[in-house]
Protein backbone atom coordinates (compact mmCIF):
# COMPACT_ATOMS: atom_id res chain seq x y z
CA MET A 1 12.44 2.36 7.25
CA SER A 2 10.64 -0.95 5.27
CA VAL A 3 7.39 -1.01 2.48
CA ARG A 4 6.71 -3.68 5.64
CA GLY A 5 7.01 -1.65 8.52
CA VAL A 6 5.37 1.50 7.14
CA LEU A 7 2.64 -1.06 5.83
CA THR A 8 2.72 -2.45 9.76
CA ALA A 9 2.36 0.98 11.30
CA LEU A 10 -0.38 1.81 8.31
CA ILE A 11 -2.66 -0.98 9.57
CA PRO A 12 -3.86 -0.19 13.51
CA LEU A 13 -3.95 3.69 12.82
CA SER A 14 -6.89 2.86 10.19
CA ILE A 15 -8.11 -0.27 13.11
CA MET A 16 -7.97 2.76 15.82
CA GLU A 17 -10.29 4.87 13.59
CA ALA A 18 -12.23 1.88 12.64
CA ASN A 19 -14.18 3.21 16.21
CA HIS A 20 -14.92 6.19 14.45
CA PRO A 21 -15.10 5.94 10.63
CA SER A 22 -15.55 9.26 8.48
CA THR A 23 -14.64 9.27 5.31
CA ASP A 24 -11.82 11.84 5.97
CA ALA A 25 -10.16 8.83 7.44
CA SER A 26 -10.61 6.27 4.25
CA ALA A 27 -8.88 9.25 2.40
CA THR A 28 -5.96 10.01 4.74
CA PHE A 29 -5.61 6.06 4.89
CA GLU A 30 -5.81 5.85 1.10
CA HIS A 31 -3.17 8.92 -0.06
CA GLU A 32 -1.03 7.53 2.74
CA LEU A 33 -0.78 3.87 1.18
CA LYS A 34 -0.83 5.13 -2.30
CA GLU A 35 2.33 8.05 -1.55
CA LEU A 36 3.78 5.33 0.27
CA ILE A 37 3.71 2.99 -2.72
CA ILE A 38 4.56 5.98 -5.12
CA SER A 39 7.52 6.62 -3.40
CA ALA A 40 8.90 2.58 -2.43
CA TYR A 41 8.43 2.50 -6.38
CA GLY A 42 10.54 5.74 -7.23
CA ARG A 43 13.32 3.94 -4.98
CA GLY A 44 13.05 0.81 -6.63
CA VAL A 45 11.88 -1.27 -3.45
CA THR A 46 10.37 -4.03 -4.86
CA ILE A 47 6.48 -3.89 -3.46
CA GLU A 48 4.78 -6.12 -5.08
CA ASP A 49 3.95 -9.35 -3.11
CA MET A 50 0.91 -10.18 -0.54
CA TRP A 51 1.49 -9.06 3.58
CA GLU A 52 -0.84 -10.92 6.58
CA PHE A 53 -1.23 -8.90 9.60
CA PRO A 54 -2.17 -10.67 12.58
CA GLY A 55 -4.86 -8.24 14.70
CA PRO A 56 -3.92 -6.93 17.86
CA VAL A 57 -6.07 -9.67 20.28
CA SER A 58 -6.96 -12.76 18.83
CA ASP A 59 -10.72 -12.04 19.05
CA ALA A 60 -10.04 -8.76 16.20
CA PRO A 61 -9.58 -9.89 12.82
CA ASN A 62 -6.66 -10.33 10.84
CA TRP A 63 -5.48 -8.13 7.34
CA ARG A 64 -3.97 -9.45 4.41
CA VAL A 65 -2.61 -6.73 2.41
CA THR A 66 -2.40 -7.46 -1.76
CA ILE A 67 -0.05 -4.45 -3.63
CA GLU A 68 -0.07 -6.20 -7.80
CA LYS A 69 1.48 -3.66 -10.52
CA VAL A 70 -0.93 -3.15 -13.53
CA PRO A 71 0.90 -2.15 -16.47
CA PRO A 72 -1.22 1.67 -17.67
CA ALA A 73 -3.51 0.43 -20.46
CA GLU A 74 -1.89 2.38 -23.64
CA ARG A 75 2.02 3.09 -23.14
CA THR A 76 3.12 7.15 -23.83
CA TYR A 77 6.17 6.22 -25.20
CA ASP A 78 8.39 3.79 -27.43
CA PRO A 79 9.45 0.53 -25.84
CA SER A 80 12.19 0.25 -28.51
CA LEU A 81 13.90 3.44 -28.34
CA LEU A 82 14.76 2.48 -24.78
CA GLU A 83 16.70 -0.16 -25.61
CA GLU A 84 18.23 0.77 -28.42
């Protein structure tokens, strides 16, 4: 399944859980999204993008998801060694 397909599957889950908000539901959503992004990155999928998901009905809000890669502040390796 593509990253977009998985995100589409995850967003309705969070909308349903919004009716009964809990920190557990938020933590589960965050964990699953983190795992999805790391797994996709590990498989070489280009995941930096912005997606918009319409709500299930016209009165429901739309959702925008932006995924942006942020390089570490300090590298633990010397990139010049990889170029040789």
